[in-house]
N, C-alpha and C. Protein backbone atom coordinates (compact mmCIF):
# COMPACT_ATOMS: atom_id res chain seq x y z
N MET A 1 17.09 -4.08 5.92
CA MET A 1 16.76 -4.29 7.30
C MET A 1 15.59 -3.39 7.64
N ALA A 2 14.55 -3.88 8.29
CA ALA A 2 13.37 -3.10 8.62
C ALA A 2 13.61 -2.34 9.91
N ASP A 3 13.10 -1.09 9.95
CA ASP A 3 13.18 -0.34 11.19
C ASP A 3 11.84 -0.45 11.92
N GLY A 4 11.70 0.20 13.05
CA GLY A 4 10.51 0.07 13.86
C GLY A 4 9.26 0.65 13.23
N ALA A 5 9.39 1.47 12.20
CA ALA A 5 8.23 2.09 11.57
C ALA A 5 7.70 1.27 10.41
N GLY A 6 8.28 0.10 10.17
CA GLY A 6 7.81 -0.74 9.08
C GLY A 6 8.40 -0.39 7.73
N THR A 7 9.40 0.46 7.70
CA THR A 7 10.06 0.76 6.45
C THR A 7 11.35 -0.04 6.37
N THR A 8 11.88 -0.14 5.19
CA THR A 8 13.10 -0.89 4.98
C THR A 8 14.26 0.07 4.79
N ARG A 9 15.37 -0.20 5.45
CA ARG A 9 16.57 0.61 5.29
C ARG A 9 17.36 0.02 4.13
N THR A 10 17.67 0.88 3.17
CA THR A 10 18.36 0.46 1.98
C THR A 10 19.59 1.32 1.79
N PRO A 11 20.75 0.72 1.51
CA PRO A 11 21.92 1.56 1.25
C PRO A 11 21.68 2.37 -0.01
N ALA A 12 21.83 3.69 0.09
CA ALA A 12 21.58 4.56 -1.05
C ALA A 12 22.61 4.36 -2.15
N GLY A 13 23.80 4.01 -1.81
CA GLY A 13 24.84 3.88 -2.82
C GLY A 13 25.04 2.45 -3.27
N GLY A 14 24.05 1.59 -3.05
CA GLY A 14 24.18 0.17 -3.35
C GLY A 14 24.49 -0.08 -4.81
N ALA A 15 25.22 -1.13 -5.07
CA ALA A 15 25.58 -1.48 -6.43
C ALA A 15 24.40 -2.11 -7.14
N GLY A 16 24.22 -1.72 -8.37
CA GLY A 16 23.15 -2.28 -9.17
C GLY A 16 23.72 -3.32 -10.13
N GLY A 17 22.85 -4.15 -10.64
CA GLY A 17 23.27 -5.15 -11.61
C GLY A 17 23.52 -4.52 -12.96
N ALA A 18 24.29 -5.17 -13.77
CA ALA A 18 24.56 -4.68 -15.11
C ALA A 18 23.44 -5.15 -16.02
N ALA A 19 22.53 -4.27 -16.32
CA ALA A 19 21.40 -4.60 -17.18
C ALA A 19 21.65 -4.03 -18.56
N ASP A 20 21.08 -4.69 -19.56
CA ASP A 20 21.21 -4.19 -20.92
C ASP A 20 20.46 -2.87 -21.09
N ARG A 21 19.32 -2.73 -20.43
CA ARG A 21 18.50 -1.54 -20.53
C ARG A 21 18.45 -0.87 -19.17
N SER A 22 18.53 0.43 -19.16
CA SER A 22 18.42 1.15 -17.90
C SER A 22 16.99 1.05 -17.39
N PRO A 23 16.79 1.22 -16.08
CA PRO A 23 15.42 1.22 -15.55
C PRO A 23 14.54 2.28 -16.22
N ALA A 24 15.11 3.44 -16.53
CA ALA A 24 14.34 4.49 -17.19
C ALA A 24 13.92 4.05 -18.59
N ALA A 25 14.84 3.46 -19.34
CA ALA A 25 14.51 3.00 -20.69
C ALA A 25 13.47 1.89 -20.65
N SER A 26 13.62 0.97 -19.73
CA SER A 26 12.65 -0.12 -19.61
C SER A 26 11.26 0.41 -19.26
N LEU A 27 11.20 1.39 -18.33
CA LEU A 27 9.92 1.97 -17.97
C LEU A 27 9.29 2.68 -19.16
N LEU A 28 10.06 3.49 -19.86
CA LEU A 28 9.52 4.20 -21.02
C LEU A 28 9.04 3.24 -22.09
N ASP A 29 9.77 2.15 -22.31
CA ASP A 29 9.33 1.12 -23.27
C ASP A 29 8.00 0.50 -22.85
N ALA A 30 7.89 0.16 -21.55
CA ALA A 30 6.66 -0.45 -21.05
C ALA A 30 5.47 0.50 -21.18
N LEU A 31 5.70 1.77 -20.86
CA LEU A 31 4.63 2.76 -21.01
C LEU A 31 4.25 2.92 -22.48
N GLY A 32 5.24 3.00 -23.36
CA GLY A 32 4.98 3.14 -24.79
C GLY A 32 4.20 1.97 -25.35
N THR A 33 4.53 0.77 -24.90
CA THR A 33 3.83 -0.43 -25.35
C THR A 33 2.35 -0.36 -24.99
N ARG A 34 2.04 0.21 -23.82
CA ARG A 34 0.66 0.34 -23.37
C ARG A 34 -0.02 1.58 -23.96
N GLY A 35 0.75 2.44 -24.61
CA GLY A 35 0.19 3.67 -25.14
C GLY A 35 -0.07 4.71 -24.07
N TRP A 36 0.67 4.61 -22.96
CA TRP A 36 0.49 5.53 -21.83
C TRP A 36 1.55 6.62 -21.84
N THR A 37 1.15 7.79 -21.36
CA THR A 37 2.08 8.91 -21.20
C THR A 37 2.42 9.06 -19.72
N LEU A 38 3.46 9.85 -19.44
CA LEU A 38 4.01 9.96 -18.10
C LEU A 38 4.25 11.42 -17.72
N ALA A 39 3.97 11.73 -16.46
CA ALA A 39 4.30 13.05 -15.88
C ALA A 39 4.96 12.81 -14.53
N VAL A 40 5.82 13.73 -14.10
CA VAL A 40 6.61 13.54 -12.89
C VAL A 40 6.49 14.76 -11.98
N ALA A 41 6.25 14.51 -10.68
CA ALA A 41 6.26 15.56 -9.65
C ALA A 41 7.41 15.26 -8.71
N GLU A 42 8.30 16.23 -8.53
CA GLU A 42 9.49 15.99 -7.72
C GLU A 42 9.65 17.04 -6.64
N SER A 43 10.10 16.57 -5.49
CA SER A 43 10.49 17.46 -4.41
C SER A 43 11.97 17.22 -4.12
N LEU A 44 12.30 16.24 -3.26
CA LEU A 44 13.70 16.07 -2.87
C LEU A 44 14.62 15.74 -4.03
N THR A 45 14.11 15.16 -5.11
CA THR A 45 14.96 14.80 -6.25
C THR A 45 15.21 15.99 -7.17
N GLY A 46 14.45 17.06 -7.03
CA GLY A 46 14.74 18.31 -7.71
C GLY A 46 14.94 18.24 -9.22
N GLY A 47 14.26 17.35 -9.90
CA GLY A 47 14.38 17.23 -11.34
C GLY A 47 15.20 16.04 -11.81
N LEU A 48 15.79 15.29 -10.88
CA LEU A 48 16.63 14.15 -11.28
C LEU A 48 15.84 13.03 -11.96
N VAL A 49 14.58 12.84 -11.56
CA VAL A 49 13.78 11.79 -12.21
C VAL A 49 13.57 12.16 -13.67
N CYS A 50 13.13 13.39 -13.92
CA CYS A 50 12.95 13.83 -15.31
C CYS A 50 14.25 13.78 -16.10
N ALA A 51 15.33 14.23 -15.47
CA ALA A 51 16.62 14.21 -16.16
C ALA A 51 17.03 12.79 -16.53
N THR A 52 16.76 11.85 -15.63
CA THR A 52 17.08 10.45 -15.90
C THR A 52 16.25 9.92 -17.06
N LEU A 53 14.99 10.29 -17.10
CA LEU A 53 14.11 9.84 -18.18
C LEU A 53 14.50 10.46 -19.52
N VAL A 54 14.84 11.75 -19.55
CA VAL A 54 15.15 12.39 -20.82
C VAL A 54 16.52 12.01 -21.36
N GLU A 55 17.33 11.32 -20.55
CA GLU A 55 18.58 10.77 -21.08
C GLU A 55 18.32 9.66 -22.09
N VAL A 56 17.12 9.09 -22.05
CA VAL A 56 16.76 7.99 -22.95
C VAL A 56 16.30 8.57 -24.28
N PRO A 57 16.96 8.20 -25.38
CA PRO A 57 16.52 8.68 -26.68
C PRO A 57 15.06 8.27 -26.94
N GLY A 58 14.28 9.20 -27.42
CA GLY A 58 12.87 8.91 -27.72
C GLY A 58 11.94 9.10 -26.53
N ALA A 59 12.46 9.60 -25.41
CA ALA A 59 11.63 9.78 -24.21
C ALA A 59 10.43 10.67 -24.48
N SER A 60 10.55 11.59 -25.43
CA SER A 60 9.46 12.54 -25.70
C SER A 60 8.20 11.86 -26.22
N ALA A 61 8.31 10.62 -26.68
CA ALA A 61 7.11 9.89 -27.13
C ALA A 61 6.21 9.53 -25.96
N VAL A 62 6.76 9.52 -24.73
CA VAL A 62 6.02 9.10 -23.55
C VAL A 62 5.96 10.21 -22.49
N LEU A 63 7.07 10.86 -22.23
CA LEU A 63 7.17 11.84 -21.15
C LEU A 63 6.53 13.17 -21.55
N ARG A 64 5.51 13.58 -20.79
CA ARG A 64 4.85 14.86 -21.05
C ARG A 64 5.56 16.01 -20.35
N GLY A 65 6.13 15.76 -19.18
CA GLY A 65 6.84 16.82 -18.48
C GLY A 65 6.91 16.55 -17.00
N GLY A 66 7.42 17.54 -16.29
CA GLY A 66 7.57 17.39 -14.85
C GLY A 66 7.40 18.71 -14.13
N VAL A 67 7.11 18.60 -12.84
CA VAL A 67 6.97 19.76 -11.97
C VAL A 67 7.89 19.54 -10.77
N VAL A 68 8.79 20.49 -10.54
CA VAL A 68 9.61 20.46 -9.34
C VAL A 68 8.94 21.40 -8.34
N ALA A 69 8.24 20.80 -7.38
CA ALA A 69 7.55 21.56 -6.33
C ALA A 69 8.35 21.38 -5.05
N TYR A 70 9.46 22.09 -4.96
CA TYR A 70 10.37 21.92 -3.84
C TYR A 70 9.80 22.52 -2.56
N ALA A 71 9.21 23.68 -2.66
CA ALA A 71 8.59 24.33 -1.50
C ALA A 71 7.24 23.68 -1.19
N THR A 72 6.95 23.54 0.08
CA THR A 72 5.72 22.87 0.51
C THR A 72 4.48 23.53 -0.09
N ASP A 73 4.40 24.85 -0.09
CA ASP A 73 3.20 25.51 -0.60
C ASP A 73 2.97 25.24 -2.08
N LEU A 74 4.03 25.01 -2.85
CA LEU A 74 3.87 24.71 -4.26
C LEU A 74 3.24 23.35 -4.51
N LYS A 75 3.39 22.44 -3.58
CA LYS A 75 2.72 21.14 -3.71
C LYS A 75 1.21 21.34 -3.73
N GLY A 76 0.75 22.32 -2.97
CA GLY A 76 -0.68 22.64 -2.97
C GLY A 76 -1.10 23.40 -4.21
N THR A 77 -0.37 24.46 -4.55
CA THR A 77 -0.81 25.31 -5.65
C THR A 77 -0.58 24.69 -7.03
N LEU A 78 0.52 23.98 -7.22
CA LEU A 78 0.83 23.41 -8.53
C LEU A 78 0.32 21.99 -8.73
N LEU A 79 0.21 21.22 -7.63
CA LEU A 79 -0.12 19.80 -7.75
C LEU A 79 -1.44 19.42 -7.08
N ASP A 80 -2.12 20.42 -6.54
CA ASP A 80 -3.42 20.20 -5.90
C ASP A 80 -3.38 19.28 -4.69
N VAL A 81 -2.24 19.24 -4.00
CA VAL A 81 -2.18 18.49 -2.74
C VAL A 81 -3.00 19.26 -1.72
N ASP A 82 -3.84 18.57 -0.98
CA ASP A 82 -4.72 19.20 0.00
C ASP A 82 -3.90 20.02 1.00
N ARG A 83 -4.25 21.27 1.13
CA ARG A 83 -3.49 22.17 2.01
C ARG A 83 -3.63 21.79 3.48
N THR A 84 -4.75 21.21 3.85
CA THR A 84 -4.93 20.75 5.23
C THR A 84 -3.99 19.59 5.51
N LEU A 85 -3.86 18.67 4.57
CA LEU A 85 -2.92 17.56 4.70
C LEU A 85 -1.50 18.10 4.88
N LEU A 86 -1.11 19.05 4.06
CA LEU A 86 0.22 19.63 4.16
C LEU A 86 0.43 20.33 5.51
N ALA A 87 -0.60 21.03 5.98
CA ALA A 87 -0.48 21.75 7.25
C ALA A 87 -0.39 20.79 8.43
N GLU A 88 -1.14 19.69 8.37
CA GLU A 88 -1.17 18.75 9.48
C GLU A 88 0.04 17.82 9.51
N ARG A 89 0.51 17.38 8.37
CA ARG A 89 1.57 16.37 8.33
C ARG A 89 2.88 16.85 7.75
N GLY A 90 2.86 17.94 7.04
CA GLY A 90 4.06 18.39 6.35
C GLY A 90 4.20 17.70 5.01
N ALA A 91 5.27 18.05 4.31
CA ALA A 91 5.47 17.54 2.95
C ALA A 91 6.03 16.13 2.90
N VAL A 92 6.62 15.66 4.00
CA VAL A 92 7.27 14.34 4.02
C VAL A 92 6.27 13.34 4.58
N ASP A 93 5.45 12.81 3.68
CA ASP A 93 4.34 11.96 4.10
C ASP A 93 3.92 11.09 2.91
N PRO A 94 3.57 9.83 3.15
CA PRO A 94 3.16 8.97 2.04
C PRO A 94 1.90 9.45 1.34
N ASP A 95 0.95 10.03 2.08
CA ASP A 95 -0.26 10.53 1.44
C ASP A 95 0.02 11.77 0.59
N VAL A 96 1.00 12.55 0.98
CA VAL A 96 1.42 13.69 0.16
C VAL A 96 2.03 13.17 -1.15
N ALA A 97 2.86 12.14 -1.07
CA ALA A 97 3.43 11.55 -2.29
C ALA A 97 2.33 11.07 -3.22
N ALA A 98 1.34 10.38 -2.67
CA ALA A 98 0.22 9.89 -3.49
C ALA A 98 -0.53 11.05 -4.14
N ALA A 99 -0.78 12.11 -3.37
CA ALA A 99 -1.48 13.26 -3.91
C ALA A 99 -0.66 13.98 -4.98
N MET A 100 0.65 14.03 -4.79
CA MET A 100 1.52 14.63 -5.81
C MET A 100 1.46 13.86 -7.12
N ALA A 101 1.51 12.53 -7.04
CA ALA A 101 1.45 11.70 -8.25
C ALA A 101 0.11 11.87 -8.95
N THR A 102 -0.96 11.89 -8.18
CA THR A 102 -2.29 12.07 -8.75
C THR A 102 -2.43 13.47 -9.34
N GLY A 103 -1.91 14.46 -8.63
CA GLY A 103 -2.00 15.84 -9.09
C GLY A 103 -1.24 16.10 -10.37
N VAL A 104 -0.01 15.58 -10.46
CA VAL A 104 0.77 15.83 -11.68
C VAL A 104 0.17 15.08 -12.86
N ARG A 105 -0.40 13.92 -12.60
CA ARG A 105 -1.07 13.16 -13.65
C ARG A 105 -2.21 13.99 -14.24
N ALA A 106 -3.01 14.59 -13.36
CA ALA A 106 -4.14 15.41 -13.82
C ALA A 106 -3.67 16.71 -14.46
N ARG A 107 -2.75 17.41 -13.80
CA ARG A 107 -2.29 18.71 -14.29
C ARG A 107 -1.63 18.65 -15.66
N LEU A 108 -0.86 17.58 -15.89
CA LEU A 108 -0.13 17.49 -17.16
C LEU A 108 -0.82 16.58 -18.17
N GLY A 109 -2.00 16.07 -17.83
CA GLY A 109 -2.77 15.26 -18.77
C GLY A 109 -2.08 13.98 -19.17
N ALA A 110 -1.49 13.30 -18.20
CA ALA A 110 -0.77 12.05 -18.46
C ALA A 110 -1.57 10.85 -17.94
N ASP A 111 -1.23 9.68 -18.45
CA ASP A 111 -1.86 8.45 -17.96
C ASP A 111 -1.27 8.01 -16.63
N VAL A 112 0.02 8.29 -16.43
CA VAL A 112 0.73 7.86 -15.23
C VAL A 112 1.45 9.05 -14.62
N GLY A 113 1.38 9.15 -13.29
CA GLY A 113 2.11 10.19 -12.58
C GLY A 113 3.07 9.57 -11.58
N LEU A 114 4.27 10.11 -11.50
CA LEU A 114 5.26 9.68 -10.51
C LEU A 114 5.50 10.83 -9.55
N ALA A 115 5.85 10.52 -8.29
CA ALA A 115 6.17 11.57 -7.33
C ALA A 115 7.24 11.12 -6.36
N THR A 116 8.05 12.11 -5.94
CA THR A 116 9.06 11.87 -4.90
C THR A 116 8.96 12.98 -3.86
N THR A 117 9.01 12.60 -2.59
CA THR A 117 9.09 13.57 -1.50
C THR A 117 9.88 12.93 -0.37
N GLY A 118 10.54 13.75 0.41
CA GLY A 118 11.33 13.19 1.51
C GLY A 118 12.38 14.16 2.00
N VAL A 119 13.35 13.61 2.71
CA VAL A 119 14.41 14.41 3.31
C VAL A 119 15.76 13.89 2.80
N ALA A 120 16.42 14.69 1.98
CA ALA A 120 17.72 14.29 1.45
C ALA A 120 18.84 14.55 2.45
N GLY A 121 18.62 15.46 3.38
CA GLY A 121 19.63 15.78 4.38
C GLY A 121 20.42 17.00 3.99
N PRO A 122 21.34 17.38 4.79
CA PRO A 122 21.91 16.64 5.91
C PRO A 122 21.15 16.81 7.23
N THR A 123 20.14 17.69 7.27
CA THR A 123 19.42 17.92 8.52
C THR A 123 18.00 17.37 8.42
N PRO A 124 17.36 17.08 9.55
CA PRO A 124 15.97 16.62 9.55
C PRO A 124 15.02 17.70 9.02
N GLN A 125 13.84 17.27 8.61
CA GLN A 125 12.78 18.19 8.18
C GLN A 125 11.47 17.72 8.78
N ASP A 126 10.75 18.62 9.39
CA ASP A 126 9.44 18.31 9.99
C ASP A 126 9.51 17.08 10.90
N GLY A 127 10.63 16.92 11.60
CA GLY A 127 10.78 15.80 12.52
C GLY A 127 11.18 14.49 11.87
N HIS A 128 11.44 14.50 10.57
CA HIS A 128 11.84 13.28 9.86
C HIS A 128 13.35 13.30 9.63
N PRO A 129 14.01 12.17 9.88
CA PRO A 129 15.47 12.14 9.69
C PRO A 129 15.85 12.11 8.21
N PRO A 130 17.06 12.54 7.90
CA PRO A 130 17.54 12.42 6.53
C PRO A 130 17.44 10.97 6.06
N GLY A 131 17.09 10.81 4.81
CA GLY A 131 16.93 9.48 4.23
C GLY A 131 15.50 8.99 4.22
N THR A 132 14.58 9.71 4.89
CA THR A 132 13.16 9.35 4.84
C THR A 132 12.63 9.75 3.47
N VAL A 133 12.10 8.78 2.73
CA VAL A 133 11.65 9.04 1.36
C VAL A 133 10.33 8.32 1.12
N HIS A 134 9.42 9.01 0.44
CA HIS A 134 8.16 8.44 -0.01
C HIS A 134 8.07 8.69 -1.51
N VAL A 135 7.79 7.63 -2.25
CA VAL A 135 7.59 7.76 -3.70
C VAL A 135 6.22 7.19 -4.03
N ALA A 136 5.63 7.69 -5.11
CA ALA A 136 4.29 7.24 -5.48
C ALA A 136 4.16 7.15 -6.99
N VAL A 137 3.24 6.28 -7.40
CA VAL A 137 2.88 6.12 -8.81
C VAL A 137 1.37 6.09 -8.90
N ALA A 138 0.81 6.95 -9.74
CA ALA A 138 -0.63 6.95 -10.01
C ALA A 138 -0.84 6.49 -11.44
N THR A 139 -1.56 5.38 -11.60
CA THR A 139 -1.89 4.85 -12.92
C THR A 139 -3.40 5.00 -13.13
N PRO A 140 -3.90 4.65 -14.30
CA PRO A 140 -5.35 4.68 -14.48
C PRO A 140 -6.08 3.71 -13.54
N ASP A 141 -5.36 2.74 -12.98
CA ASP A 141 -5.98 1.70 -12.16
C ASP A 141 -5.88 1.96 -10.66
N ALA A 142 -4.79 2.56 -10.19
CA ALA A 142 -4.57 2.67 -8.74
C ALA A 142 -3.43 3.64 -8.45
N VAL A 143 -3.25 3.92 -7.17
CA VAL A 143 -2.11 4.71 -6.71
C VAL A 143 -1.33 3.82 -5.74
N ALA A 144 -0.03 3.71 -5.96
CA ALA A 144 0.83 2.93 -5.07
C ALA A 144 1.90 3.84 -4.48
N VAL A 145 2.22 3.63 -3.21
CA VAL A 145 3.23 4.41 -2.51
C VAL A 145 4.22 3.47 -1.87
N ARG A 146 5.49 3.81 -1.98
CA ARG A 146 6.53 3.04 -1.29
C ARG A 146 7.28 4.01 -0.38
N SER A 147 7.44 3.63 0.88
CA SER A 147 8.15 4.42 1.86
C SER A 147 9.42 3.68 2.26
N VAL A 148 10.55 4.38 2.18
CA VAL A 148 11.84 3.76 2.48
C VAL A 148 12.68 4.70 3.33
N HIS A 149 13.67 4.14 3.99
CA HIS A 149 14.70 4.96 4.60
C HIS A 149 16.00 4.61 3.89
N LEU A 150 16.60 5.62 3.27
CA LEU A 150 17.81 5.43 2.47
C LEU A 150 19.01 5.95 3.23
N ASP A 151 20.06 5.15 3.28
CA ASP A 151 21.30 5.54 3.94
C ASP A 151 22.22 6.21 2.93
N GLY A 152 23.03 7.12 3.43
CA GLY A 152 24.01 7.77 2.58
C GLY A 152 23.93 9.27 2.70
N ASP A 153 24.83 9.94 1.97
CA ASP A 153 24.82 11.40 1.97
C ASP A 153 23.73 11.92 1.04
N ARG A 154 23.61 13.22 0.97
CA ARG A 154 22.54 13.85 0.19
C ARG A 154 22.49 13.38 -1.27
N PRO A 155 23.60 13.40 -2.01
CA PRO A 155 23.53 12.92 -3.40
C PRO A 155 23.13 11.44 -3.49
N ALA A 156 23.60 10.63 -2.57
CA ALA A 156 23.27 9.21 -2.60
C ALA A 156 21.79 8.98 -2.33
N VAL A 157 21.23 9.72 -1.38
CA VAL A 157 19.79 9.59 -1.07
C VAL A 157 18.96 10.01 -2.26
N ARG A 158 19.32 11.12 -2.88
CA ARG A 158 18.56 11.60 -4.04
C ARG A 158 18.63 10.61 -5.20
N ALA A 159 19.82 10.06 -5.47
CA ALA A 159 19.96 9.08 -6.55
C ALA A 159 19.16 7.82 -6.26
N ALA A 160 19.20 7.36 -5.01
CA ALA A 160 18.45 6.16 -4.65
C ALA A 160 16.94 6.40 -4.70
N ALA A 161 16.50 7.61 -4.41
CA ALA A 161 15.08 7.94 -4.53
C ALA A 161 14.63 7.83 -5.99
N VAL A 162 15.47 8.25 -6.91
CA VAL A 162 15.16 8.11 -8.34
C VAL A 162 15.00 6.64 -8.68
N ARG A 163 15.96 5.81 -8.26
CA ARG A 163 15.87 4.38 -8.55
C ARG A 163 14.62 3.76 -7.93
N THR A 164 14.26 4.21 -6.73
CA THR A 164 13.11 3.65 -6.03
C THR A 164 11.81 3.98 -6.75
N VAL A 165 11.64 5.22 -7.20
CA VAL A 165 10.40 5.57 -7.89
C VAL A 165 10.33 4.90 -9.26
N LEU A 166 11.46 4.77 -9.95
CA LEU A 166 11.43 4.07 -11.24
C LEU A 166 11.09 2.60 -11.07
N ALA A 167 11.60 1.97 -10.00
CA ALA A 167 11.28 0.56 -9.75
C ALA A 167 9.81 0.39 -9.40
N LEU A 168 9.27 1.27 -8.56
CA LEU A 168 7.85 1.19 -8.23
C LEU A 168 7.00 1.40 -9.47
N ALA A 169 7.39 2.35 -10.31
CA ALA A 169 6.64 2.60 -11.54
C ALA A 169 6.66 1.38 -12.46
N ALA A 170 7.83 0.75 -12.59
CA ALA A 170 7.91 -0.46 -13.42
C ALA A 170 6.99 -1.54 -12.89
N ASP A 171 6.98 -1.72 -11.57
CA ASP A 171 6.09 -2.70 -10.96
C ASP A 171 4.62 -2.35 -11.21
N ALA A 172 4.27 -1.09 -11.04
CA ALA A 172 2.88 -0.67 -11.22
C ALA A 172 2.41 -0.85 -12.66
N VAL A 173 3.24 -0.46 -13.60
CA VAL A 173 2.87 -0.58 -15.01
C VAL A 173 2.74 -2.04 -15.42
N ALA A 174 3.57 -2.89 -14.83
CA ALA A 174 3.52 -4.33 -15.13
C ALA A 174 2.46 -5.07 -14.32
N GLY A 175 1.77 -4.35 -13.42
CA GLY A 175 0.75 -5.00 -12.60
C GLY A 175 1.32 -5.83 -11.48
N ARG A 176 2.54 -5.51 -11.04
CA ARG A 176 3.19 -6.28 -9.98
C ARG A 176 3.13 -5.61 -8.62
N VAL A 177 2.25 -4.64 -8.45
CA VAL A 177 2.15 -3.96 -7.15
C VAL A 177 1.36 -4.86 -6.21
N PRO A 178 1.91 -5.14 -5.02
CA PRO A 178 1.21 -5.99 -4.06
C PRO A 178 -0.11 -5.38 -3.60
N ALA A 179 -0.93 -6.20 -3.01
CA ALA A 179 -2.20 -5.74 -2.46
C ALA A 179 -1.95 -4.69 -1.38
N PRO A 180 -2.95 -3.83 -1.11
CA PRO A 180 -2.78 -2.79 -0.10
C PRO A 180 -2.28 -3.36 1.22
N GLY A 181 -1.27 -2.67 1.79
CA GLY A 181 -0.73 -3.06 3.09
C GLY A 181 0.35 -4.12 3.05
N THR A 182 0.63 -4.66 1.86
CA THR A 182 1.64 -5.70 1.74
C THR A 182 3.00 -5.04 1.54
N PRO A 183 4.01 -5.38 2.36
CA PRO A 183 5.33 -4.77 2.17
C PRO A 183 5.94 -5.17 0.84
N GLY A 184 6.54 -4.19 0.19
CA GLY A 184 7.25 -4.46 -1.05
C GLY A 184 8.70 -4.76 -0.76
N PRO A 185 9.49 -5.09 -1.78
CA PRO A 185 10.88 -5.45 -1.56
C PRO A 185 11.75 -4.29 -1.10
N SER A 186 11.34 -3.06 -1.37
CA SER A 186 12.18 -1.92 -1.02
C SER A 186 11.56 -1.03 0.05
N GLY A 187 10.63 -1.55 0.81
CA GLY A 187 10.05 -0.75 1.87
C GLY A 187 8.55 -0.99 1.96
N SER A 188 7.93 -0.31 2.91
CA SER A 188 6.50 -0.50 3.08
C SER A 188 5.77 0.10 1.88
N LEU A 189 4.66 -0.49 1.54
CA LEU A 189 3.91 -0.10 0.36
C LEU A 189 2.45 -0.08 0.70
N HIS A 190 1.76 0.89 0.22
CA HIS A 190 0.30 0.82 0.30
C HIS A 190 -0.27 1.33 -1.01
N SER A 191 -1.40 0.79 -1.36
CA SER A 191 -2.07 1.18 -2.60
C SER A 191 -3.44 1.72 -2.24
N THR A 192 -3.92 2.64 -3.06
CA THR A 192 -5.25 3.17 -2.87
C THR A 192 -6.08 2.98 -4.10
């Protein structure tokens, strides 16, 4: 269901289909097929994206590493997110997610960068309610951002943020990212 800000509300604890391959395994396979490497920048997920990826045997062939930049200032110092952007908008922003993905891609020398930022809860941050999440993927071709509002408690929001960034990454690697400004299936999306 869409809210007034153009994002889609998604149940964080929603049931997934029984797939033969996990989303992480499928993404790593797709990246490996293209000969691309991966780096991850995480805030609200606190390392869960990397942990999910390294559960896949052979992940080291693709995954270069990750940066957990939980504090706002670390997004600037470790991931080269513009400090003016952080000062003006805070860490919970789609452009911050895009900058994090681009920054981790450059910092870790990867072909693709993933990023997560948002509010896991239980309290608001910088005026954003719990469940506000922005994820981004930077590839050699473009940067895509998906903004969603996820329902559920803190663990559910964090788990759903992992699924959201992996789904966006799979779409980006497969060339299925919609044109700039076109809403995606899991929330508003913009590409740069």
